[in-house]
Amino acid sequence: MALPDYSMRQLLEAGVHFGHQAHRWNPKMREYIFGTRNDIHIIDLAQT
């Protein structure tokens, strides 16, 4: 079964880049976090 092909725009519009609240993060995820906005981590979609 092949994975569907999604564009970066579709992923952003779906909101998949929003992670957990910043105080609930796992330090092992540090390399995948793009930044923080309004106390929510933003996930780097290019890496994930």
PDB file of N, CA and C in Angstrom:
ATOM      1  N   MET A   1       0.846  -1.180   0.000  1.00  0.00           N
ATOM      2  CA  MET A   1       0.000   0.000   0.000  1.00  0.00           C
ATOM      3  C   MET A   1       0.888   1.240   0.000  1.00  0.00           C
ATOM      4  N   ALA A   2       0.724   2.088  -0.986  1.00  0.00           N
ATOM      5  CA  ALA A   2       1.541   3.291  -1.124  1.00  0.00           C
ATOM      6  C   ALA A   2       0.970   4.425  -0.274  1.00  0.00           C
ATOM      7  N   LEU A   3       1.865   5.246   0.237  1.00  0.00           N
ATOM      8  CA  LEU A   3       1.443   6.419   1.000  1.00  0.00           C
ATOM      9  C   LEU A   3       0.937   7.492   0.045  1.00  0.00           C
ATOM     10  N   PRO A   4      -0.080   8.242   0.426  1.00  0.00           N
ATOM     11  CA  PRO A   4      -0.581   9.314  -0.440  1.00  0.00           C
ATOM     12  C   PRO A   4       0.445  10.439  -0.556  1.00  0.00           C
ATOM     13  N   ASP A   5       0.409  11.132  -1.673  1.00  0.00           N
ATOM     14  CA  ASP A   5       1.315  12.254  -1.923  1.00  0.00           C
ATOM     15  C   ASP A   5       0.627  13.550  -1.522  1.00  0.00           C
ATOM     16  N   TYR A   6       1.152  14.238  -0.524  1.00  0.00           N
ATOM     17  CA  TYR A   6       0.601  15.514  -0.083  1.00  0.00           C
ATOM     18  C   TYR A   6       1.629  16.603  -0.316  1.00  0.00           C
ATOM     19  N   SER A   7       1.157  17.775  -0.716  1.00  0.00           N
ATOM     20  CA  SER A   7       2.063  18.906  -0.889  1.00  0.00           C
ATOM     21  C   SER A   7       2.262  19.601   0.460  1.00  0.00           C
ATOM     22  N   MET A   8       3.301  20.398   0.535  1.00  0.00           N
ATOM     23  CA  MET A   8       3.581  21.146   1.759  1.00  0.00           C
ATOM     24  C   MET A   8       2.412  22.088   2.073  1.00  0.00           C
ATOM     25  N   ARG A   9       1.826  22.683   1.050  1.00  0.00           N
ATOM     26  CA  ARG A   9       0.686  23.589   1.238  1.00  0.00           C
ATOM     27  C   ARG A   9      -0.501  22.855   1.854  1.00  0.00           C
ATOM     28  N   GLN A  10      -0.796  21.649   1.377  1.00  0.00           N
ATOM     29  CA  GLN A  10      -1.908  20.872   1.924  1.00  0.00           C
ATOM     30  C   GLN A  10      -1.668  20.536   3.392  1.00  0.00           C
ATOM     31  N   LEU A  11      -0.439  20.194   3.731  1.00  0.00           N
ATOM     32  CA  LEU A  11      -0.115  19.875   5.121  1.00  0.00           C
ATOM     33  C   LEU A  11      -0.286  21.096   6.019  1.00  0.00           C
ATOM     34  N   LEU A  12       0.183  22.253   5.554  1.00  0.00           N
ATOM     35  CA  LEU A  12       0.051  23.484   6.340  1.00  0.00           C
ATOM     36  C   LEU A  12      -1.411  23.883   6.509  1.00  0.00           C
ATOM     37  N   GLU A  13      -2.194  23.770   5.439  1.00  0.00           N
ATOM     38  CA  GLU A  13      -3.615  24.117   5.527  1.00  0.00           C
ATOM     39  C   GLU A  13      -4.365  23.187   6.478  1.00  0.00           C
ATOM     40  N   ALA A  14      -3.916  21.937   6.569  1.00  0.00           N
ATOM     41  CA  ALA A  14      -4.551  20.975   7.471  1.00  0.00           C
ATOM     42  C   ALA A  14      -4.113  21.189   8.920  1.00  0.00           C
ATOM     43  N   GLY A  15      -3.065  21.985   9.127  1.00  0.00           N
ATOM     44  CA  GLY A  15      -2.611  22.290  10.485  1.00  0.00           C
ATOM     45  C   GLY A  15      -1.770  21.205  11.124  1.00  0.00           C
ATOM     46  N   VAL A  16      -1.158  20.347  10.300  1.00  0.00           N
ATOM     47  CA  VAL A  16      -0.382  19.254  10.885  1.00  0.00           C
ATOM     48  C   VAL A  16       0.930  19.722  11.503  1.00  0.00           C
ATOM     49  N   HIS A  17       1.307  20.978  11.293  1.00  0.00           N
ATOM     50  CA  HIS A  17       2.561  21.486  11.840  1.00  0.00           C
ATOM     51  C   HIS A  17       2.436  21.940  13.291  1.00  0.00           C
ATOM     52  N   PHE A  18       1.219  21.979  13.832  1.00  0.00           N
ATOM     53  CA  PHE A  18       1.045  22.373  15.224  1.00  0.00           C
ATOM     54  C   PHE A  18       1.294  21.183  16.138  1.00  0.00           C
ATOM     55  N   GLY A  19       2.154  21.377  17.119  1.00  0.00           N
ATOM     56  CA  GLY A  19       2.473  20.313  18.064  1.00  0.00           C
ATOM     57  C   GLY A  19       1.801  20.541  19.406  1.00  0.00           C
ATOM     58  N   HIS A  20       2.417  20.004  20.429  1.00  0.00           N
ATOM     59  CA  HIS A  20       1.897  20.134  21.791  1.00  0.00           C
ATOM     60  C   HIS A  20       2.245  21.493  22.377  1.00  0.00           C
ATOM     61  N   GLN A  21       1.680  21.783  23.525  1.00  0.00           N
ATOM     62  CA  GLN A  21       2.064  22.980  24.259  1.00  0.00           C
ATOM     63  C   GLN A  21       3.545  22.866  24.602  1.00  0.00           C
ATOM     64  N   ALA A  22       4.216  24.002  24.609  1.00  0.00           N
ATOM     65  CA  ALA A  22       5.663  24.020  24.788  1.00  0.00           C
ATOM     66  C   ALA A  22       6.108  23.389  26.104  1.00  0.00           C
ATOM     67  N   HIS A  23       5.310  23.482  27.147  1.00  0.00           N
ATOM     68  CA  HIS A  23       5.738  22.931  28.434  1.00  0.00           C
ATOM     69  C   HIS A  23       5.524  21.413  28.513  1.00  0.00           C
ATOM     70  N   ARG A  24       4.914  20.807  27.512  1.00  0.00           N
ATOM     71  CA  ARG A  24       4.671  19.365  27.515  1.00  0.00           C
ATOM     72  C   ARG A  24       5.577  18.615  26.537  1.00  0.00           C
ATOM     73  N   TRP A  25       6.642  19.217  26.101  1.00  0.00           N
ATOM     74  CA  TRP A  25       7.455  18.635  25.049  1.00  0.00           C
ATOM     75  C   TRP A  25       8.389  17.543  25.543  1.00  0.00           C
ATOM     76  N   ASN A  26       8.800  16.701  24.605  1.00  0.00           N
ATOM     77  CA  ASN A  26       9.771  15.648  24.869  1.00  0.00           C
ATOM     78  C   ASN A  26      11.114  16.118  24.308  1.00  0.00           C
ATOM     79  N   PRO A  27      12.157  16.200  25.117  1.00  0.00           N
ATOM     80  CA  PRO A  27      13.453  16.697  24.648  1.00  0.00           C
ATOM     81  C   PRO A  27      14.025  15.917  23.461  1.00  0.00           C
ATOM     82  N   LYS A  28      13.619  14.679  23.267  1.00  0.00           N
ATOM     83  CA  LYS A  28      14.101  13.897  22.119  1.00  0.00           C
ATOM     84  C   LYS A  28      13.570  14.454  20.794  1.00  0.00           C
ATOM     85  N   MET A  29      12.561  15.289  20.856  1.00  0.00           N
ATOM     86  CA  MET A  29      11.972  15.871  19.645  1.00  0.00           C
ATOM     87  C   MET A  29      12.600  17.210  19.262  1.00  0.00           C
ATOM     88  N   ARG A  30      13.612  17.640  19.993  1.00  0.00           N
ATOM     89  CA  ARG A  30      14.234  18.953  19.788  1.00  0.00           C
ATOM     90  C   ARG A  30      14.598  19.219  18.322  1.00  0.00           C
ATOM     91  N   GLU A  31      15.178  18.245  17.638  1.00  0.00           N
ATOM     92  CA  GLU A  31      15.636  18.464  16.264  1.00  0.00           C
ATOM     93  C   GLU A  31      14.483  18.628  15.268  1.00  0.00           C
ATOM     94  N   TYR A  32      13.279  18.241  15.646  1.00  0.00           N
ATOM     95  CA  TYR A  32      12.127  18.330  14.752  1.00  0.00           C
ATOM     96  C   TYR A  32      11.249  19.545  15.021  1.00  0.00           C
ATOM     97  N   ILE A  33      11.584  20.332  16.029  1.00  0.00           N
ATOM     98  CA  ILE A  33      10.790  21.512  16.372  1.00  0.00           C
ATOM     99  C   ILE A  33      11.364  22.729  15.657  1.00  0.00           C
ATOM    100  N   PHE A  34      10.530  23.356  14.845  1.00  0.00           N
ATOM    101  CA  PHE A  34      10.932  24.519  14.069  1.00  0.00           C
ATOM    102  C   PHE A  34      10.982  25.764  14.938  1.00  0.00           C
ATOM    103  N   GLY A  35      10.026  25.893  15.843  1.00  0.00           N
ATOM    104  CA  GLY A  35       9.957  27.052  16.716  1.00  0.00           C
ATOM    105  C   GLY A  35       8.748  26.969  17.626  1.00  0.00           C
ATOM    106  N   THR A  36       8.471  28.072  18.312  1.00  0.00           N
ATOM    107  CA  THR A  36       7.336  28.136  19.234  1.00  0.00           C
ATOM    108  C   THR A  36       6.532  29.390  18.938  1.00  0.00           C
ATOM    109  N   ARG A  37       5.217  29.249  18.948  1.00  0.00           N
ATOM    110  CA  ARG A  37       4.338  30.401  18.751  1.00  0.00           C
ATOM    111  C   ARG A  37       3.130  30.234  19.651  1.00  0.00           C
ATOM    112  N   ASN A  38       2.844  31.266  20.437  1.00  0.00           N
ATOM    113  CA  ASN A  38       1.724  31.233  21.389  1.00  0.00           C
ATOM    114  C   ASN A  38       1.789  30.003  22.287  1.00  0.00           C
ATOM    115  N   ASP A  39       2.983  29.662  22.737  1.00  0.00           N
ATOM    116  CA  ASP A  39       3.231  28.536  23.643  1.00  0.00           C
ATOM    117  C   ASP A  39       2.890  27.170  23.026  1.00  0.00           C
ATOM    118  N   ILE A  40       2.892  27.092  21.682  1.00  0.00           N
ATOM    119  CA  ILE A  40       2.674  25.836  20.968  1.00  0.00           C
ATOM    120  C   ILE A  40       3.901  25.591  20.090  1.00  0.00           C
ATOM    121  N   HIS A  41       4.447  24.393  20.136  1.00  0.00           N
ATOM    122  CA  HIS A  41       5.573  24.065  19.276  1.00  0.00           C
ATOM    123  C   HIS A  41       5.111  23.904  17.832  1.00  0.00           C
ATOM    124  N   ILE A  42       5.935  24.394  16.919  1.00  0.00           N
ATOM    125  CA  ILE A  42       5.692  24.266  15.490  1.00  0.00           C
ATOM    126  C   ILE A  42       6.659  23.205  14.973  1.00  0.00           C
ATOM    127  N   ILE A  43       6.121  22.173  14.345  1.00  0.00           N
ATOM    128  CA  ILE A  43       6.924  21.047  13.874  1.00  0.00           C
ATOM    129  C   ILE A  43       7.479  21.357  12.488  1.00  0.00           C
ATOM    130  N   ASP A  44       8.737  21.007  12.260  1.00  0.00           N
ATOM    131  CA  ASP A  44       9.388  21.195  10.971  1.00  0.00           C
ATOM    132  C   ASP A  44       8.898  20.110  10.014  1.00  0.00           C
ATOM    133  N   LEU A  45       8.007  20.457   9.108  1.00  0.00           N
ATOM    134  CA  LEU A  45       7.417  19.478   8.200  1.00  0.00           C
ATOM    135  C   LEU A  45       8.413  18.959   7.174  1.00  0.00           C
ATOM    136  N   ALA A  46       9.430  19.734   6.852  1.00  0.00           N
ATOM    137  CA  ALA A  46      10.421  19.280   5.880  1.00  0.00           C
ATOM    138  C   ALA A  46      11.198  18.077   6.417  1.00  0.00           C
ATOM    139  N   GLN A  47      11.392  18.010   7.723  1.00  0.00           N
ATOM    140  CA  GLN A  47      12.130  16.895   8.317  1.00  0.00           C
ATOM    141  C   GLN A  47      11.236  15.710   8.638  1.00  0.00           C
ATOM    142  N   THR A  48       9.980  15.980   8.892  1.00  0.00           N
ATOM    143  CA  THR A  48       9.088  14.899   9.289  1.00  0.00           C
ATOM    144  C   THR A  48       8.231  14.485   8.132  1.00  0.00           C
TER     145      THR A  48
END
